[in-house]
Amino acid sequence: MKRELIALFEYWEKERGIEKSYLVESLEKGLLSVYRKKAGLPKNIKIKIIPESGDIKFINEKGEEVPPPTFPWERIAAQTAKQVIIQKIREAEKNTVYQEFKDLEGEVVSGRVERFENENVVINVGKTEALLPHHHKLPSDHFKVGDPVKVYLLEVRKPNRGNYQLILSRTHPNFVRKLLENEVPEIGEGIIEIKALARFPGDLTKIGVYSKNEKVDPVGTCIGDKASRIKSIIKELRGEKIEIIPWSPDISEFIKNSLSPAKCEKVILNKEKKEAIAIVSDDQLFLAIGKRGQNVRLASKLTGWNIRVYRESEYTGEEKPAVSVIEGIDEKLAKKLAEFGYSSIKSLAEAKVEQLAKIPDIEEQKAQELIEKAKNYLKRESEKK
């Protein structure tokens, strides 16, 4: 018993960094509780463990050693010691994890895939395991046990709040922010600032950057020589596209930049509603809108303005899109169609079903109906003339 206690104390202090005094105190309390229940140990008797020798002593209120209880106390002591130490070690380890990782919350950490729990991934990040929930994985993440991985430390939970104290993410916008900060020294030095960031995880991220030094190109610096810096981040994100654009204090200019790679001719602002109309040439329309409307939606998130895109040839300056005069198209649907470039009845009538069906919440049947309604409207108007 004595040798076992000494060995346990030394192991957990040396290998796990748990103080011997903490374990000794916890074991003393545990033994005292058991002996009082099972042996009727008087309340005036205390237990003292000598960590150097492993001796267990019974002490009275005068501090004098007294004989041990007349029952198999050593066997019970061994059983209790095992239970108490395991429990306290777990508590101590959780406290240690909390203290060690709390300062790393909101940072990128490296680890290795340990195992899988349903669709969640358990990742070893050093002295402990962390959880990467399924909804925090990228669509293109396909891990194998042993794979190295970088993750964003989303939350460090206090002990006794679930099985895992460390919650990870690869979809959080700040994951990309931190990857860029770690890759570009000029950001850490304060020369370049990340002013805005918006992300559709797995597809596209837009980042607005600004340089405090006129001689330093913020976009080129972040991309790196031969795109080396940005390629490193794209590789970690499994091919997610990253667009670095220049931030501007002039919101019209920033909105123009945010619609990159499209070229925007003009921006009209409604500051009260925080809405912007971006006017582009006909050949830039679908580039400005993007696949499934991602480009304009992400530009809206990046700038904080609701951006609607119009063809230069069709913009009338009216507050409501012309398509709203068609029966069955309310203002909400009209605005959505306008965002994707179908602001006039003519453009809607000439639309292709497969293109219209790419707009969120518009299926092929609905697209066909809208096109037919626009064609019929134009036909009726033509017959009136």
Foldseek 3Di string as FASTA:
>chain_A
DQVVLLVVLVCCCVPVVDHSVLLQVQLQVQLVVVCCVPQVDDPQWGWHADNVRRDIFIAGVVRDTDDDGPDPSVVVSVVSSVVRNVVVSVLVNLVVQLVVCVVVAQAKAKFFFADDDVQWTWTDRDPDIEIEDNVQDFPPDDDDGGDMAIWHFHAQAHPPPDPHRTYTHDQDQSNLVNLLCVLQVCVVVVQKDFPFWFDDQNAEIETEMEGPDPVDDRQDRSCDDVSVNVVVSCVNSVNHYYHYWYDDPPLFVLLQRLLPPAGFDGWDADVVQLAIETEHAPVRQCSSQDFLSVSQVRSCRGSVGHYAYEYPVPDPVDPAQQLCVFPPQHRVNLRQCRSSHCRHLVCLLPDDLVSVCSHPPQHSVNSVVSNVSSVVVVVVVVVVD
